[in-house]
Amino acid sequence: QTSVTTALRLGHGPFPLPLPMVLLLLRMLMLMLMLKLELVALVLVVDFILLAAAAVT
């Protein structure tokens, strides 16, 4: 619940972000905290590339 409210707050903060981008960032942070594996690092890189592509379009 707190993560959802934080995402909503970020959406209305000084740096407005679309909710999908905020959720992706939260998911990436959760993966980094929960699973410290090289495979997860690769997934984070792919997610970041997709995130950047979504931000450009």
PDB file of N, CA and C in Angstrom:
ATOM      1  N   GLN A   1       0.836  -1.203   0.000  1.00  0.00           N
ATOM      2  CA  GLN A   1       0.000   0.000   0.000  1.00  0.00           C
ATOM      3  C   GLN A   1       0.872   1.254   0.000  1.00  0.00           C
ATOM      4  N   THR A   2       1.919   1.246   0.809  1.00  0.00           N
ATOM      5  CA  THR A   2       2.779   2.425   0.882  1.00  0.00           C
ATOM      6  C   THR A   2       3.473   2.681  -0.452  1.00  0.00           C
ATOM      7  N   SER A   3       3.853   1.594  -1.167  1.00  0.00           N
ATOM      8  CA  SER A   3       4.526   1.783  -2.452  1.00  0.00           C
ATOM      9  C   SER A   3       3.580   2.424  -3.465  1.00  0.00           C
ATOM     10  N   VAL A   4       2.298   2.068  -3.399  1.00  0.00           N
ATOM     11  CA  VAL A   4       1.335   2.650  -4.337  1.00  0.00           C
ATOM     12  C   VAL A   4       1.154   4.130  -4.048  1.00  0.00           C
ATOM     13  N   THR A   5       1.023   4.485  -2.779  1.00  0.00           N
ATOM     14  CA  THR A   5       0.849   5.899  -2.428  1.00  0.00           C
ATOM     15  C   THR A   5       2.099   6.693  -2.799  1.00  0.00           C
ATOM     16  N   THR A   6       3.268   6.081  -2.615  1.00  0.00           N
ATOM     17  CA  THR A   6       4.504   6.770  -2.987  1.00  0.00           C
ATOM     18  C   THR A   6       4.543   7.011  -4.490  1.00  0.00           C
ATOM     19  N   ALA A   7       4.112   6.025  -5.271  1.00  0.00           N
ATOM     20  CA  ALA A   7       4.094   6.181  -6.722  1.00  0.00           C
ATOM     21  C   ALA A   7       3.148   7.307  -7.121  1.00  0.00           C
ATOM     22  N   LEU A   8       2.000   7.371  -6.457  1.00  0.00           N
ATOM     23  CA  LEU A   8       1.044   8.432  -6.772  1.00  0.00           C
ATOM     24  C   LEU A   8       1.630   9.787  -6.395  1.00  0.00           C
ATOM     25  N   ARG A   9       2.333   9.841  -5.267  1.00  0.00           N
ATOM     26  CA  ARG A   9       2.950  11.106  -4.855  1.00  0.00           C
ATOM     27  C   ARG A   9       4.016  11.535  -5.858  1.00  0.00           C
ATOM     28  N   LEU A  10       4.805  10.577  -6.335  1.00  0.00           N
ATOM     29  CA  LEU A  10       5.830  10.902  -7.328  1.00  0.00           C
ATOM     30  C   LEU A  10       5.179  11.442  -8.595  1.00  0.00           C
ATOM     31  N   GLY A  11       4.016  10.920  -8.946  1.00  0.00           N
ATOM     32  CA  GLY A  11       3.329  11.371 -10.145  1.00  0.00           C
ATOM     33  C   GLY A  11       2.907  12.819 -10.048  1.00  0.00           C
ATOM     34  N   HIS A  12       2.680  13.308  -8.822  1.00  0.00           N
ATOM     35  CA  HIS A  12       2.238  14.689  -8.641  1.00  0.00           C
ATOM     36  C   HIS A  12       3.346  15.546  -8.031  1.00  0.00           C
ATOM     37  N   GLY A  13       4.563  15.038  -7.993  1.00  0.00           N
ATOM     38  CA  GLY A  13       5.669  15.768  -7.370  1.00  0.00           C
ATOM     39  C   GLY A  13       6.286  16.771  -8.327  1.00  0.00           C
ATOM     40  N   PRO A  14       7.408  17.350  -7.921  1.00  0.00           N
ATOM     41  CA  PRO A  14       8.107  18.334  -8.763  1.00  0.00           C
ATOM     42  C   PRO A  14       8.615  17.713 -10.063  1.00  0.00           C
ATOM     43  N   PHE A  15       8.838  16.401 -10.058  1.00  0.00           N
ATOM     44  CA  PHE A  15       9.254  15.699 -11.266  1.00  0.00           C
ATOM     45  C   PHE A  15       8.153  14.714 -11.649  1.00  0.00           C
ATOM     46  N   PRO A  16       7.130  15.170 -12.352  1.00  0.00           N
ATOM     47  CA  PRO A  16       5.999  14.291 -12.667  1.00  0.00           C
ATOM     48  C   PRO A  16       6.417  13.141 -13.573  1.00  0.00           C
ATOM     49  N   LEU A  17       6.031  11.934 -13.183  1.00  0.00           N
ATOM     50  CA  LEU A  17       6.313  10.750 -13.983  1.00  0.00           C
ATOM     51  C   LEU A  17       5.014  10.008 -14.235  1.00  0.00           C
ATOM     52  N   PRO A  18       4.872   9.440 -15.424  1.00  0.00           N
ATOM     53  CA  PRO A  18       3.693   8.603 -15.673  1.00  0.00           C
ATOM     54  C   PRO A  18       3.682   7.416 -14.715  1.00  0.00           C
ATOM     55  N   LEU A  19       2.494   7.001 -14.307  1.00  0.00           N
ATOM     56  CA  LEU A  19       2.381   5.907 -13.339  1.00  0.00           C
ATOM     57  C   LEU A  19       3.062   4.628 -13.816  1.00  0.00           C
ATOM     58  N   PRO A  20       2.964   4.234 -15.094  1.00  0.00           N
ATOM     59  CA  PRO A  20       3.673   3.016 -15.535  1.00  0.00           C
ATOM     60  C   PRO A  20       5.177   3.108 -15.327  1.00  0.00           C
ATOM     61  N   MET A  21       5.767   4.282 -15.574  1.00  0.00           N
ATOM     62  CA  MET A  21       7.205   4.438 -15.361  1.00  0.00           C
ATOM     63  C   MET A  21       7.538   4.288 -13.884  1.00  0.00           C
ATOM     64  N   VAL A  22       6.700   4.874 -13.017  1.00  0.00           N
ATOM     65  CA  VAL A  22       6.941   4.769 -11.574  1.00  0.00           C
ATOM     66  C   VAL A  22       6.855   3.315 -11.130  1.00  0.00           C
ATOM     67  N   LEU A  23       5.857   2.597 -11.640  1.00  0.00           N
ATOM     68  CA  LEU A  23       5.704   1.190 -11.262  1.00  0.00           C
ATOM     69  C   LEU A  23       6.889   0.366 -11.757  1.00  0.00           C
ATOM     70  N   LEU A  24       7.384   0.671 -12.951  1.00  0.00           N
ATOM     71  CA  LEU A  24       8.558  -0.045 -13.457  1.00  0.00           C
ATOM     72  C   LEU A  24       9.766   0.215 -12.569  1.00  0.00           C
ATOM     73  N   LEU A  25       9.962   1.474 -12.176  1.00  0.00           N
ATOM     74  CA  LEU A  25      11.095   1.800 -11.314  1.00  0.00           C
ATOM     75  C   LEU A  25      10.968   1.082  -9.976  1.00  0.00           C
ATOM     76  N   LEU A  26       9.759   1.046  -9.425  1.00  0.00           N
ATOM     77  CA  LEU A  26       9.549   0.343  -8.154  1.00  0.00           C
ATOM     78  C   LEU A  26       9.846  -1.147  -8.313  1.00  0.00           C
ATOM     79  N   ARG A  27       9.420  -1.726  -9.440  1.00  0.00           N
ATOM     80  CA  ARG A  27       9.679  -3.152  -9.668  1.00  0.00           C
ATOM     81  C   ARG A  27      11.181  -3.413  -9.802  1.00  0.00           C
ATOM     82  N   MET A  28      11.884  -2.517 -10.461  1.00  0.00           N
ATOM     83  CA  MET A  28      13.326  -2.670 -10.597  1.00  0.00           C
ATOM     84  C   MET A  28      14.007  -2.589  -9.236  1.00  0.00           C
ATOM     85  N   LEU A  29      13.565  -1.631  -8.403  1.00  0.00           N
ATOM     86  CA  LEU A  29      14.156  -1.507  -7.068  1.00  0.00           C
ATOM     87  C   LEU A  29      13.876  -2.753  -6.233  1.00  0.00           C
ATOM     88  N   MET A  30      12.660  -3.276  -6.341  1.00  0.00           N
ATOM     89  CA  MET A  30      12.315  -4.482  -5.586  1.00  0.00           C
ATOM     90  C   MET A  30      13.174  -5.660  -6.026  1.00  0.00           C
ATOM     91  N   LEU A  31      13.398  -5.791  -7.333  1.00  0.00           N
ATOM     92  CA  LEU A  31      14.236  -6.885  -7.827  1.00  0.00           C
ATOM     93  C   LEU A  31      15.664  -6.739  -7.314  1.00  0.00           C
ATOM     94  N   MET A  32      16.177  -5.506  -7.305  1.00  0.00           N
ATOM     95  CA  MET A  32      17.538  -5.274  -6.832  1.00  0.00           C
ATOM     96  C   MET A  32      17.662  -5.628  -5.353  1.00  0.00           C
ATOM     97  N   LEU A  33      16.635  -5.300  -4.571  1.00  0.00           N
ATOM     98  CA  LEU A  33      16.711  -5.561  -3.131  1.00  0.00           C
ATOM     99  C   LEU A  33      16.511  -7.043  -2.824  1.00  0.00           C
ATOM    100  N   MET A  34      15.607  -7.698  -3.541  1.00  0.00           N
ATOM    101  CA  MET A  34      15.250  -9.077  -3.213  1.00  0.00           C
ATOM    102  C   MET A  34      16.225 -10.080  -3.821  1.00  0.00           C
ATOM    103  N   LEU A  35      16.598  -9.881  -5.064  1.00  0.00           N
ATOM    104  CA  LEU A  35      17.427 -10.869  -5.747  1.00  0.00           C
ATOM    105  C   LEU A  35      18.702 -10.205  -6.244  1.00  0.00           C
ATOM    106  N   LYS A  36      19.819 -10.560  -5.628  1.00  0.00           N
ATOM    107  CA  LYS A  36      21.097  -9.987  -6.056  1.00  0.00           C
ATOM    108  C   LYS A  36      21.782 -11.000  -6.972  1.00  0.00           C
ATOM    109  N   LEU A  37      21.293 -11.083  -8.195  1.00  0.00           N
ATOM    110  CA  LEU A  37      21.832 -12.035  -9.158  1.00  0.00           C
ATOM    111  C   LEU A  37      22.216 -11.305 -10.437  1.00  0.00           C
ATOM    112  N   GLU A  38      23.142 -11.870 -11.164  1.00  0.00           N
ATOM    113  CA  GLU A  38      23.554 -11.252 -12.420  1.00  0.00           C
ATOM    114  C   GLU A  38      22.404 -11.258 -13.418  1.00  0.00           C
ATOM    115  N   LEU A  39      21.581 -12.312 -13.361  1.00  0.00           N
ATOM    116  CA  LEU A  39      20.437 -12.393 -14.266  1.00  0.00           C
ATOM    117  C   LEU A  39      19.488 -11.232 -14.012  1.00  0.00           C
ATOM    118  N   VAL A  40      19.294 -10.885 -12.734  1.00  0.00           N
ATOM    119  CA  VAL A  40      18.428  -9.763 -12.392  1.00  0.00           C
ATOM    120  C   VAL A  40      19.023  -8.470 -12.937  1.00  0.00           C
ATOM    121  N   ALA A  41      20.344  -8.331 -12.868  1.00  0.00           N
ATOM    122  CA  ALA A  41      20.996  -7.145 -13.410  1.00  0.00           C
ATOM    123  C   ALA A  41      20.716  -7.034 -14.907  1.00  0.00           C
ATOM    124  N   LEU A  42      20.751  -8.158 -15.611  1.00  0.00           N
ATOM    125  CA  LEU A  42      20.456  -8.150 -17.041  1.00  0.00           C
ATOM    126  C   LEU A  42      19.015  -7.723 -17.281  1.00  0.00           C
ATOM    127  N   VAL A  43      18.088  -8.231 -16.452  1.00  0.00           N
ATOM    128  CA  VAL A  43      16.682  -7.850 -16.581  1.00  0.00           C
ATOM    129  C   VAL A  43      16.521  -6.357 -16.323  1.00  0.00           C
ATOM    130  N   LEU A  44      17.258  -5.820 -15.358  1.00  0.00           N
ATOM    131  CA  LEU A  44      17.170  -4.392 -15.058  1.00  0.00           C
ATOM    132  C   LEU A  44      17.652  -3.570 -16.247  1.00  0.00           C
ATOM    133  N   VAL A  45      18.704  -4.025 -16.905  1.00  0.00           N
ATOM    134  CA  VAL A  45      19.209  -3.305 -18.073  1.00  0.00           C
ATOM    135  C   VAL A  45      18.158  -3.298 -19.177  1.00  0.00           C
ATOM    136  N   VAL A  46      17.525  -4.452 -19.406  1.00  0.00           N
ATOM    137  CA  VAL A  46      16.491  -4.532 -20.436  1.00  0.00           C
ATOM    138  C   VAL A  46      15.315  -3.638 -20.069  1.00  0.00           C
ATOM    139  N   ASP A  47      14.917  -3.672 -18.791  1.00  0.00           N
ATOM    140  CA  ASP A  47      13.816  -2.816 -18.349  1.00  0.00           C
ATOM    141  C   ASP A  47      14.170  -1.345 -18.541  1.00  0.00           C
ATOM    142  N   PHE A  48      15.418  -0.985 -18.241  1.00  0.00           N
ATOM    143  CA  PHE A  48      15.831   0.407 -18.384  1.00  0.00           C
ATOM    144  C   PHE A  48      15.795   0.830 -19.847  1.00  0.00           C
ATOM    145  N   ILE A  49      16.216  -0.060 -20.747  1.00  0.00           N
ATOM    146  CA  ILE A  49      16.180   0.253 -22.179  1.00  0.00           C
ATOM    147  C   ILE A  49      14.741   0.444 -22.635  1.00  0.00           C
ATOM    148  N   LEU A  50      13.849  -0.452 -22.201  1.00  0.00           N
ATOM    149  CA  LEU A  50      12.437  -0.319 -22.556  1.00  0.00           C
ATOM    150  C   LEU A  50      11.864   0.958 -21.963  1.00  0.00           C
ATOM    151  N   LEU A  51      12.275   1.293 -20.744  1.00  0.00           N
ATOM    152  CA  LEU A  51      11.793   2.502 -20.081  1.00  0.00           C
ATOM    153  C   LEU A  51      12.244   3.736 -20.858  1.00  0.00           C
ATOM    154  N   ALA A  52      13.508   3.746 -21.289  1.00  0.00           N
ATOM    155  CA  ALA A  52      14.014   4.885 -22.054  1.00  0.00           C
ATOM    156  C   ALA A  52      13.284   4.999 -23.391  1.00  0.00           C
ATOM    157  N   ALA A  53      13.035   3.865 -24.032  1.00  0.00           N
ATOM    158  CA  ALA A  53      12.324   3.888 -25.309  1.00  0.00           C
ATOM    159  C   ALA A  53      10.904   4.408 -25.124  1.00  0.00           C
ATOM    160  N   ALA A  54      10.261   4.008 -24.034  1.00  0.00           N
ATOM    161  CA  ALA A  54       8.902   4.476 -23.771  1.00  0.00           C
ATOM    162  C   ALA A  54       8.898   5.971 -23.458  1.00  0.00           C
ATOM    163  N   ALA A  55       9.957   6.453 -22.808  1.00  0.00           N
ATOM    164  CA  ALA A  55      10.016   7.873 -22.456  1.00  0.00           C
ATOM    165  C   ALA A  55      10.237   8.730 -23.704  1.00  0.00           C
ATOM    166  N   VAL A  56      10.988   8.195 -24.677  1.00  0.00           N
ATOM    167  CA  VAL A  56      11.279   8.975 -25.885  1.00  0.00           C
ATOM    168  C   VAL A  56      10.032   9.112 -26.747  1.00  0.00           C
ATOM    169  N   THR A  57       9.300   8.025 -26.884  1.00  0.00           N
ATOM    170  CA  THR A  57       8.117   8.055 -27.751  1.00  0.00           C
ATOM    171  C   THR A  57       7.014   8.875 -27.118  1.00  0.00           C
TER     172      THR A  57
END
